[in-house]
């Protein structure tokens, strides 16, 4: 992922690489839904990033999107971040009885 690049997830969720700080080995990630900002996080390399929503259905503090910031790199032509194991929970809650 490069600065400004996005990953489309389910339910209109988008993960955006806002800024990449190579010297500090961290990235500013933003989570949006339908164009509205949900949260921003500055995450260090080799760290897990979890975006938690206050409520989905009857559940509280739900880890909505999780990704691992594997590597931050600077090349001659581009700067980027490698994310791994990214997943998102659906907003469609179904009760199983």
PDB file of N, CA and C in Angstrom:
ATOM      1  N   UNK A   1       0.848  -1.160   0.000  1.00  0.00           N
ATOM      2  CA  UNK A   1       0.000   0.000   0.000  1.00  0.00           C
ATOM      3  C   UNK A   1       0.898   1.230   0.000  1.00  0.00           C
ATOM      4  N   UNK A   2       0.550   2.193  -0.837  1.00  0.00           N
ATOM      5  CA  UNK A   2       1.267   3.462  -0.875  1.00  0.00           C
ATOM      6  C   UNK A   2       0.404   4.547  -0.241  1.00  0.00           C
ATOM      7  N   UNK A   3       1.012   5.680   0.043  1.00  0.00           N
ATOM      8  CA  UNK A   3       0.279   6.800   0.619  1.00  0.00           C
ATOM      9  C   UNK A   3      -0.906   7.145  -0.273  1.00  0.00           C
ATOM     10  N   UNK A   4      -2.099   7.257   0.350  1.00  0.00           N
ATOM     11  CA  UNK A   4      -3.306   7.590  -0.387  1.00  0.00           C
ATOM     12  C   UNK A   4      -4.008   6.406  -1.006  1.00  0.00           C
ATOM     13  N   UNK A   5      -3.368   5.265  -1.040  1.00  0.00           N
ATOM     14  CA  UNK A   5      -3.973   4.070  -1.623  1.00  0.00           C
ATOM     15  C   UNK A   5      -4.976   3.476  -0.632  1.00  0.00           C
ATOM     16  N   UNK A   6      -5.976   2.776  -1.160  1.00  0.00           N
ATOM     17  CA  UNK A   6      -7.011   2.219  -0.295  1.00  0.00           C
ATOM     18  C   UNK A   6      -7.268   0.755  -0.621  1.00  0.00           C
ATOM     19  N   UNK A   7      -7.850   0.072   0.366  1.00  0.00           N
ATOM     20  CA  UNK A   7      -8.276  -1.315   0.212  1.00  0.00           C
ATOM     21  C   UNK A   7      -9.768  -1.347   0.500  1.00  0.00           C
ATOM     22  N   UNK A   8     -10.554  -1.780  -0.476  1.00  0.00           N
ATOM     23  CA  UNK A   8     -11.997  -1.905  -0.284  1.00  0.00           C
ATOM     24  C   UNK A   8     -12.294  -3.203   0.460  1.00  0.00           C
ATOM     25  N   UNK A   9     -12.983  -3.059   1.588  1.00  0.00           N
ATOM     26  CA  UNK A   9     -13.389  -4.207   2.385  1.00  0.00           C
ATOM     27  C   UNK A   9     -14.898  -4.399   2.210  1.00  0.00           C
ATOM     28  N   UNK A  10     -15.526  -5.223   3.001  1.00  0.00           N
ATOM     29  CA  UNK A  10     -16.969  -5.448   2.879  1.00  0.00           C
ATOM     30  C   UNK A  10     -17.774  -4.289   3.462  1.00  0.00           C
ATOM     31  N   UNK A  11     -19.065  -4.247   3.140  1.00  0.00           N
ATOM     32  CA  UNK A  11     -20.023  -3.288   3.711  1.00  0.00           C
ATOM     33  C   UNK A  11     -19.585  -1.830   3.576  1.00  0.00           C
ATOM     34  N   UNK A  12     -19.030  -1.460   2.440  1.00  0.00           N
ATOM     35  CA  UNK A  12     -18.587  -0.088   2.171  1.00  0.00           C
ATOM     36  C   UNK A  12     -17.456   0.392   3.081  1.00  0.00           C
ATOM     37  N   UNK A  13     -16.745  -0.536   3.718  1.00  0.00           N
ATOM     38  CA  UNK A  13     -15.583  -0.172   4.533  1.00  0.00           C
ATOM     39  C   UNK A  13     -14.364  -0.034   3.625  1.00  0.00           C
ATOM     40  N   UNK A  14     -13.569   1.007   3.887  1.00  0.00           N
ATOM     41  CA  UNK A  14     -12.347   1.241   3.120  1.00  0.00           C
ATOM     42  C   UNK A  14     -11.218   1.546   4.097  1.00  0.00           C
ATOM     43  N   UNK A  15     -10.097   0.866   3.933  1.00  0.00           N
ATOM     44  CA  UNK A  15      -8.892   1.107   4.723  1.00  0.00           C
ATOM     45  C   UNK A  15      -7.943   1.925   3.863  1.00  0.00           C
ATOM     46  N   UNK A  16      -7.514   3.092   4.372  1.00  0.00           N
ATOM     47  CA  UNK A  16      -6.699   4.027   3.584  1.00  0.00           C
ATOM     48  C   UNK A  16      -5.363   4.259   4.272  1.00  0.00           C
ATOM     49  N   UNK A  17      -4.291   4.228   3.500  1.00  0.00           N
ATOM     50  CA  UNK A  17      -2.964   4.596   3.994  1.00  0.00           C
ATOM     51  C   UNK A  17      -2.806   6.107   3.877  1.00  0.00           C
ATOM     52  N   UNK A  18      -3.041   6.827   4.963  1.00  0.00           N
ATOM     53  CA  UNK A  18      -3.012   8.291   4.933  1.00  0.00           C
ATOM     54  C   UNK A  18      -1.588   8.843   4.823  1.00  0.00           C
ATOM     55  N   UNK A  19      -0.703   8.347   5.669  1.00  0.00           N
ATOM     56  CA  UNK A  19       0.697   8.808   5.682  1.00  0.00           C
ATOM     57  C   UNK A  19       1.590   7.647   6.057  1.00  0.00           C
ATOM     58  N   UNK A  20       2.798   7.662   5.527  1.00  0.00           N
ATOM     59  CA  UNK A  20       3.795   6.641   5.854  1.00  0.00           C
ATOM     60  C   UNK A  20       5.043   7.362   6.354  1.00  0.00           C
ATOM     61  N   UNK A  21       5.453   7.011   7.559  1.00  0.00           N
ATOM     62  CA  UNK A  21       6.617   7.645   8.196  1.00  0.00           C
ATOM     63  C   UNK A  21       7.755   6.625   8.248  1.00  0.00           C
ATOM     64  N   UNK A  22       8.628   6.646   7.233  1.00  0.00           N
ATOM     65  CA  UNK A  22       9.691   5.653   7.107  1.00  0.00           C
ATOM     66  C   UNK A  22      10.680   5.761   8.258  1.00  0.00           C
ATOM     67  N   UNK A  23      11.097   6.975   8.619  1.00  0.00           N
ATOM     68  CA  UNK A  23      12.095   7.139   9.684  1.00  0.00           C
ATOM     69  C   UNK A  23      11.593   6.633  11.029  1.00  0.00           C
ATOM     70  N   UNK A  24      10.299   6.765  11.279  1.00  0.00           N
ATOM     71  CA  UNK A  24       9.718   6.290  12.543  1.00  0.00           C
ATOM     72  C   UNK A  24       9.135   4.886  12.425  1.00  0.00           C
ATOM     73  N   UNK A  25       9.196   4.305  11.241  1.00  0.00           N
ATOM     74  CA  UNK A  25       8.661   2.968  10.967  1.00  0.00           C
ATOM     75  C   UNK A  25       7.206   2.822  11.404  1.00  0.00           C
ATOM     76  N   UNK A  26       6.371   3.781  10.966  1.00  0.00           N
ATOM     77  CA  UNK A  26       4.947   3.696  11.288  1.00  0.00           C
ATOM     78  C   UNK A  26       4.111   4.246  10.138  1.00  0.00           C
ATOM     79  N   UNK A  27       2.819   3.931  10.188  1.00  0.00           N
ATOM     80  CA  UNK A  27       1.882   4.332   9.147  1.00  0.00           C
ATOM     81  C   UNK A  27       0.615   4.858   9.805  1.00  0.00           C
ATOM     82  N   UNK A  28      -0.006   5.844   9.169  1.00  0.00           N
ATOM     83  CA  UNK A  28      -1.295   6.362   9.618  1.00  0.00           C
ATOM     84  C   UNK A  28      -2.364   5.713   8.749  1.00  0.00           C
ATOM     85  N   UNK A  29      -3.190   4.862   9.358  1.00  0.00           N
ATOM     86  CA  UNK A  29      -4.269   4.179   8.648  1.00  0.00           C
ATOM     87  C   UNK A  29      -5.600   4.792   9.036  1.00  0.00           C
ATOM     88  N   UNK A  30      -6.477   4.915   8.061  1.00  0.00           N
ATOM     89  CA  UNK A  30      -7.808   5.473   8.282  1.00  0.00           C
ATOM     90  C   UNK A  30      -8.839   4.457   7.830  1.00  0.00           C
ATOM     91  N   UNK A  31      -9.895   4.287   8.637  1.00  0.00           N
ATOM     92  CA  UNK A  31     -11.000   3.421   8.267  1.00  0.00           C
ATOM     93  C   UNK A  31     -12.219   4.291   8.007  1.00  0.00           C
ATOM     94  N   UNK A  32     -12.816   4.126   6.817  1.00  0.00           N
ATOM     95  CA  UNK A  32     -14.023   4.881   6.473  1.00  0.00           C
ATOM     96  C   UNK A  32     -15.134   3.901   6.100  1.00  0.00           C
ATOM     97  N   UNK A  33     -16.367   4.394   6.219  1.00  0.00           N
ATOM     98  CA  UNK A  33     -17.522   3.630   5.744  1.00  0.00           C
ATOM     99  C   UNK A  33     -18.440   4.586   5.013  1.00  0.00           C
ATOM    100  N   UNK A  34     -18.718   4.267   3.770  1.00  0.00           N
ATOM    101  CA  UNK A  34     -19.561   5.109   2.911  1.00  0.00           C
ATOM    102  C   UNK A  34     -19.047   6.546   2.874  1.00  0.00           C
ATOM    103  N   UNK A  35     -17.725   6.701   2.873  1.00  0.00           N
ATOM    104  CA  UNK A  35     -17.102   8.018   2.771  1.00  0.00           C
ATOM    105  C   UNK A  35     -16.925   8.759   4.084  1.00  0.00           C
ATOM    106  N   UNK A  36     -17.498   8.249   5.170  1.00  0.00           N
ATOM    107  CA  UNK A  36     -17.363   8.901   6.475  1.00  0.00           C
ATOM    108  C   UNK A  36     -16.243   8.260   7.274  1.00  0.00           C
ATOM    109  N   UNK A  37     -15.405   9.095   7.877  1.00  0.00           N
ATOM    110  CA  UNK A  37     -14.301   8.597   8.678  1.00  0.00           C
ATOM    111  C   UNK A  37     -14.820   7.929   9.952  1.00  0.00           C
ATOM    112  N   UNK A  38     -14.364   6.717  10.208  1.00  0.00           N
ATOM    113  CA  UNK A  38     -14.714   6.005  11.440  1.00  0.00           C
ATOM    114  C   UNK A  38     -13.625   6.197  12.480  1.00  0.00           C
ATOM    115  N   UNK A  39     -12.347   6.010  12.060  1.00  0.00           N
ATOM    116  CA  UNK A  39     -11.235   6.120  13.004  1.00  0.00           C
ATOM    117  C   UNK A  39      -9.920   6.216  12.233  1.00  0.00           C
ATOM    118  N   UNK A  40      -8.905   6.778  12.888  1.00  0.00           N
ATOM    119  CA  UNK A  40      -7.537   6.834  12.380  1.00  0.00           C
ATOM    120  C   UNK A  40      -6.621   6.230  13.426  1.00  0.00           C
ATOM    121  N   UNK A  41      -5.596   5.535  12.977  1.00  0.00           N
ATOM    122  CA  UNK A  41      -4.621   4.963  13.901  1.00  0.00           C
ATOM    123  C   UNK A  41      -3.229   5.093  13.300  1.00  0.00           C
ATOM    124  N   UNK A  42      -2.264   5.457  14.149  1.00  0.00           N
ATOM    125  CA  UNK A  42      -0.858   5.425  13.764  1.00  0.00           C
ATOM    126  C   UNK A  42      -0.287   4.137  14.336  1.00  0.00           C
ATOM    127  N   UNK A  43       0.239   3.281  13.443  1.00  0.00           N
ATOM    128  CA  UNK A  43       0.651   1.940  13.833  1.00  0.00           C
ATOM    129  C   UNK A  43       2.101   1.713  13.436  1.00  0.00           C
ATOM    130  N   UNK A  44       2.867   1.129  14.348  1.00  0.00           N
ATOM    131  CA  UNK A  44       4.275   0.817  14.093  1.00  0.00           C
ATOM    132  C   UNK A  44       4.406  -0.463  13.275  1.00  0.00           C
ATOM    133  N   UNK A  45       5.532  -0.568  12.595  1.00  0.00           N
ATOM    134  CA  UNK A  45       5.874  -1.774  11.852  1.00  0.00           C
ATOM    135  C   UNK A  45       5.904  -2.961  12.806  1.00  0.00           C
ATOM    136  N   UNK A  46       5.500  -4.112  12.328  1.00  0.00           N
ATOM    137  CA  UNK A  46       5.441  -5.364  13.096  1.00  0.00           C
ATOM    138  C   UNK A  46       4.424  -5.290  14.229  1.00  0.00           C
ATOM    139  N   UNK A  47       3.346  -4.519  14.004  1.00  0.00           N
ATOM    140  CA  UNK A  47       2.298  -4.367  15.016  1.00  0.00           C
ATOM    141  C   UNK A  47       0.926  -4.676  14.430  1.00  0.00           C
ATOM    142  N   UNK A  48       0.021  -5.084  15.312  1.00  0.00           N
ATOM    143  CA  UNK A  48      -1.356  -5.347  14.944  1.00  0.00           C
ATOM    144  C   UNK A  48      -2.175  -4.071  15.080  1.00  0.00           C
ATOM    145  N   UNK A  49      -3.030  -3.808  14.122  1.00  0.00           N
ATOM    146  CA  UNK A  49      -3.910  -2.647  14.150  1.00  0.00           C
ATOM    147  C   UNK A  49      -5.346  -3.145  14.199  1.00  0.00           C
ATOM    148  N   UNK A  50      -6.098  -2.721  15.222  1.00  0.00           N
ATOM    149  CA  UNK A  50      -7.482  -3.143  15.392  1.00  0.00           C
ATOM    150  C   UNK A  50      -8.382  -1.921  15.479  1.00  0.00           C
ATOM    151  N   UNK A  51      -9.356  -1.859  14.586  1.00  0.00           N
ATOM    152  CA  UNK A  51     -10.374  -0.810  14.627  1.00  0.00           C
ATOM    153  C   UNK A  51     -11.593  -1.397  15.322  1.00  0.00           C
ATOM    154  N   UNK A  52     -12.005  -0.798  16.444  1.00  0.00           N
ATOM    155  CA  UNK A  52     -13.104  -1.303  17.250  1.00  0.00           C
ATOM    156  C   UNK A  52     -14.291  -0.358  17.134  1.00  0.00           C
ATOM    157  N   UNK A  53     -15.473  -0.923  16.856  1.00  0.00           N
ATOM    158  CA  UNK A  53     -16.699  -0.135  16.819  1.00  0.00           C
ATOM    159  C   UNK A  53     -17.447  -0.307  18.133  1.00  0.00           C
ATOM    160  N   UNK A  54     -18.102   0.755  18.561  1.00  0.00           N
ATOM    161  CA  UNK A  54     -18.790   0.741  19.850  1.00  0.00           C
ATOM    162  C   UNK A  54     -19.916  -0.279  19.917  1.00  0.00           C
ATOM    163  N   UNK A  55     -20.660  -0.423  18.797  1.00  0.00           N
ATOM    164  CA  UNK A  55     -21.813  -1.325  18.848  1.00  0.00           C
ATOM    165  C   UNK A  55     -22.191  -1.810  17.456  1.00  0.00           C
ATOM    166  N   UNK A  56     -22.418  -3.107  17.358  1.00  0.00           N
ATOM    167  CA  UNK A  56     -22.963  -3.720  16.151  1.00  0.00           C
ATOM    168  C   UNK A  56     -24.013  -4.711  16.632  1.00  0.00           C
ATOM    169  N   UNK A  57     -25.250  -4.503  16.221  1.00  0.00           N
ATOM    170  CA  UNK A  57     -26.334  -5.342  16.734  1.00  0.00           C
ATOM    171  C   UNK A  57     -26.435  -5.149  18.236  1.00  0.00           C
ATOM    172  N   UNK A  58     -26.423  -6.246  18.968  1.00  0.00           N
ATOM    173  CA  UNK A  58     -26.463  -6.185  20.430  1.00  0.00           C
ATOM    174  C   UNK A  58     -25.085  -6.283  21.062  1.00  0.00           C
ATOM    175  N   UNK A  59     -24.052  -6.360  20.247  1.00  0.00           N
ATOM    176  CA  UNK A  59     -22.686  -6.522  20.753  1.00  0.00           C
ATOM    177  C   UNK A  59     -22.003  -5.172  20.941  1.00  0.00           C
ATOM    178  N   UNK A  60     -21.182  -5.061  21.969  1.00  0.00           N
ATOM    179  CA  UNK A  60     -20.443  -3.835  22.275  1.00  0.00           C
ATOM    180  C   UNK A  60     -18.945  -4.059  22.020  1.00  0.00           C
ATOM    181  N   UNK A  61     -18.239  -2.986  21.657  1.00  0.00           N
ATOM    182  CA  UNK A  61     -16.782  -3.015  21.447  1.00  0.00           C
ATOM    183  C   UNK A  61     -16.348  -4.162  20.533  1.00  0.00           C
ATOM    184  N   UNK A  62     -16.841  -4.125  19.314  1.00  0.00           N
ATOM    185  CA  UNK A  62     -16.588  -5.180  18.336  1.00  0.00           C
ATOM    186  C   UNK A  62     -15.340  -4.851  17.520  1.00  0.00           C
ATOM    187  N   UNK A  63     -14.344  -5.761  17.492  1.00  0.00           N
ATOM    188  CA  UNK A  63     -13.196  -5.550  16.601  1.00  0.00           C
ATOM    189  C   UNK A  63     -13.671  -5.701  15.155  1.00  0.00           C
ATOM    190  N   UNK A  64     -13.806  -4.568  14.460  1.00  0.00           N
ATOM    191  CA  UNK A  64     -14.411  -4.549  13.134  1.00  0.00           C
ATOM    192  C   UNK A  64     -13.426  -4.871  12.021  1.00  0.00           C
ATOM    193  N   UNK A  65     -12.251  -4.265  12.078  1.00  0.00           N
ATOM    194  CA  UNK A  65     -11.209  -4.495  11.079  1.00  0.00           C
ATOM    195  C   UNK A  65      -9.886  -4.717  11.808  1.00  0.00           C
ATOM    196  N   UNK A  66      -9.164  -5.744  11.373  1.00  0.00           N
ATOM    197  CA  UNK A  66      -7.857  -6.050  11.945  1.00  0.00           C
ATOM    198  C   UNK A  66      -6.883  -6.226  10.795  1.00  0.00           C
ATOM    199  N   UNK A  67      -5.685  -5.650  10.950  1.00  0.00           N
ATOM    200  CA  UNK A  67      -4.619  -5.859   9.969  1.00  0.00           C
ATOM    201  C   UNK A  67      -3.274  -5.835  10.682  1.00  0.00           C
ATOM    202  N   UNK A  68      -2.298  -6.489  10.101  1.00  0.00           N
ATOM    203  CA  UNK A  68      -0.952  -6.537  10.659  1.00  0.00           C
ATOM    204  C   UNK A  68      -0.040  -5.699   9.770  1.00  0.00           C
ATOM    205  N   UNK A  69       0.652  -4.717  10.360  1.00  0.00           N
ATOM    206  CA  UNK A  69       1.596  -3.880   9.620  1.00  0.00           C
ATOM    207  C   UNK A  69       2.918  -4.642   9.591  1.00  0.00           C
ATOM    208  N   UNK A  70       3.155  -5.320   8.490  1.00  0.00           N
ATOM    209  CA  UNK A  70       4.310  -6.211   8.376  1.00  0.00           C
ATOM    210  C   UNK A  70       5.612  -5.458   8.105  1.00  0.00           C
ATOM    211  N   UNK A  71       5.591  -4.543   7.139  1.00  0.00           N
ATOM    212  CA  UNK A  71       6.838  -3.886   6.753  1.00  0.00           C
ATOM    213  C   UNK A  71       6.563  -2.501   6.178  1.00  0.00           C
ATOM    214  N   UNK A  72       7.404  -1.554   6.546  1.00  0.00           N
ATOM    215  CA  UNK A  72       7.383  -0.207   5.980  1.00  0.00           C
ATOM    216  C   UNK A  72       8.687  -0.044   5.220  1.00  0.00           C
ATOM    217  N   UNK A  73       8.599   0.395   3.978  1.00  0.00           N
ATOM    218  CA  UNK A  73       9.800   0.440   3.146  1.00  0.00           C
ATOM    219  C   UNK A  73       9.860   1.713   2.312  1.00  0.00           C
ATOM    220  N   UNK A  74      11.080   2.083   1.975  1.00  0.00           N
ATOM    221  CA  UNK A  74      11.317   3.218   1.082  1.00  0.00           C
ATOM    222  C   UNK A  74      12.196   2.728  -0.051  1.00  0.00           C
ATOM    223  N   UNK A  75      11.685   2.838  -1.261  1.00  0.00           N
ATOM    224  CA  UNK A  75      12.451   2.475  -2.440  1.00  0.00           C
ATOM    225  C   UNK A  75      12.932   3.729  -3.145  1.00  0.00           C
ATOM    226  N   UNK A  76      13.542   3.565  -4.276  1.00  0.00           N
ATOM    227  CA  UNK A  76      14.020   4.720  -5.029  1.00  0.00           C
ATOM    228  C   UNK A  76      12.878   5.505  -5.655  1.00  0.00           C
ATOM    229  N   UNK A  77      11.784   4.816  -5.984  1.00  0.00           N
ATOM    230  CA  UNK A  77      10.668   5.490  -6.649  1.00  0.00           C
ATOM    231  C   UNK A  77       9.414   5.605  -5.780  1.00  0.00           C
ATOM    232  N   UNK A  78       9.325   4.808  -4.738  1.00  0.00           N
ATOM    233  CA  UNK A  78       8.090   4.793  -3.945  1.00  0.00           C
ATOM    234  C   UNK A  78       8.354   4.426  -2.488  1.00  0.00           C
ATOM    235  N   UNK A  79       7.430   4.838  -1.655  1.00  0.00           N
ATOM    236  CA  UNK A  79       7.430   4.471  -0.240  1.00  0.00           C
ATOM    237  C   UNK A  79       6.138   3.713  -0.001  1.00  0.00           C
ATOM    238  N   UNK A  80       6.195   2.656   0.810  1.00  0.00           N
ATOM    239  CA  UNK A  80       4.984   1.873   1.005  1.00  0.00           C
ATOM    240  C   UNK A  80       4.965   1.102   2.302  1.00  0.00           C
ATOM    241  N   UNK A  81       3.871   0.421   2.505  1.00  0.00           N
ATOM    242  CA  UNK A  81       3.675  -0.425   3.676  1.00  0.00           C
ATOM    243  C   UNK A  81       3.071  -1.744   3.211  1.00  0.00           C
ATOM    244  N   UNK A  82       3.548  -2.830   3.779  1.00  0.00           N
ATOM    245  CA  UNK A  82       3.013  -4.149   3.466  1.00  0.00           C
ATOM    246  C   UNK A  82       2.125  -4.570   4.635  1.00  0.00           C
ATOM    247  N   UNK A  83       0.842  -4.771   4.337  1.00  0.00           N
ATOM    248  CA  UNK A  83      -0.111  -5.241   5.337  1.00  0.00           C
ATOM    249  C   UNK A  83      -0.309  -6.740   5.139  1.00  0.00           C
ATOM    250  N   UNK A  84      -0.612  -7.442   6.228  1.00  0.00           N
ATOM    251  CA  UNK A  84      -0.847  -8.885   6.148  1.00  0.00           C
ATOM    252  C   UNK A  84      -2.042  -9.253   7.021  1.00  0.00           C
ATOM    253  N   UNK A  85      -2.689 -10.343   6.676  1.00  0.00           N
ATOM    254  CA  UNK A  85      -3.778 -10.901   7.484  1.00  0.00           C
ATOM    255  C   UNK A  85      -4.860  -9.876   7.799  1.00  0.00           C
ATOM    256  N   UNK A  86      -5.311  -9.146   6.805  1.00  0.00           N
ATOM    257  CA  UNK A  86      -6.349  -8.133   6.984  1.00  0.00           C
ATOM    258  C   UNK A  86      -7.725  -8.799   6.872  1.00  0.00           C
ATOM    259  N   UNK A  87      -8.580  -8.517   7.845  1.00  0.00           N
ATOM    260  CA  UNK A  87      -9.942  -9.039   7.798  1.00  0.00           C
ATOM    261  C   UNK A  87     -10.926  -8.034   8.375  1.00  0.00           C
ATOM    262  N   UNK A  88     -12.184  -8.177   7.977  1.00  0.00           N
ATOM    263  CA  UNK A  88     -13.250  -7.281   8.437  1.00  0.00           C
ATOM    264  C   UNK A  88     -14.491  -8.092   8.755  1.00  0.00           C
ATOM    265  N   UNK A  89     -15.223  -7.640   9.768  1.00  0.00           N
ATOM    266  CA  UNK A  89     -16.473  -8.268  10.180  1.00  0.00           C
ATOM    267  C   UNK A  89     -17.611  -7.583   9.427  1.00  0.00           C
ATOM    268  N   UNK A  90     -18.627  -8.332   9.072  1.00  0.00           N
ATOM    269  CA  UNK A  90     -19.774  -7.771   8.373  1.00  0.00           C
ATOM    270  C   UNK A  90     -20.702  -7.060   9.343  1.00  0.00           C
ATOM    271  N   UNK A  91     -21.375  -6.031   8.845  1.00  0.00           N
ATOM    272  CA  UNK A  91     -22.381  -5.339   9.635  1.00  0.00           C
ATOM    273  C   UNK A  91     -23.690  -6.117   9.690  1.00  0.00           C
ATOM    274  N   UNK A  92     -23.867  -7.085   8.800  1.00  0.00           N
ATOM    275  CA  UNK A  92     -25.080  -7.886   8.776  1.00  0.00           C
ATOM    276  C   UNK A  92     -25.039  -8.922   9.911  1.00  0.00           C
ATOM    277  N   UNK A  93     -25.738  -8.608  10.993  1.00  0.00           N
ATOM    278  CA  UNK A  93     -25.740  -9.481  12.157  1.00  0.00           C
ATOM    279  C   UNK A  93     -26.883 -10.476  12.028  1.00  0.00           C
ATOM    280  N   UNK A  94     -26.572 -11.732  12.251  1.00  0.00           N
ATOM    281  CA  UNK A  94     -27.583 -12.773  12.186  1.00  0.00           C
ATOM    282  C   UNK A  94     -27.565 -13.548  13.489  1.00  0.00           C
ATOM    283  N   UNK A  95     -28.709 -13.659  14.126  1.00  0.00           N
ATOM    284  CA  UNK A  95     -28.816 -14.373  15.390  1.00  0.00           C
ATOM    285  C   UNK A  95     -29.059 -15.855  15.121  1.00  0.00           C
ATOM    286  N   UNK A  96     -28.270 -16.693  15.771  1.00  0.00           N
ATOM    287  CA  UNK A  96     -28.422 -18.149  15.652  1.00  0.00           C
ATOM    288  C   UNK A  96     -28.944 -18.668  16.985  1.00  0.00           C
ATOM    289  N   UNK A  97     -30.051 -19.375  16.930  1.00  0.00           N
ATOM    290  CA  UNK A  97     -30.636 -19.883  18.178  1.00  0.00           C
ATOM    291  C   UNK A  97     -30.545 -21.380  18.248  1.00  0.00           C
TER     292      UNK A  97
END
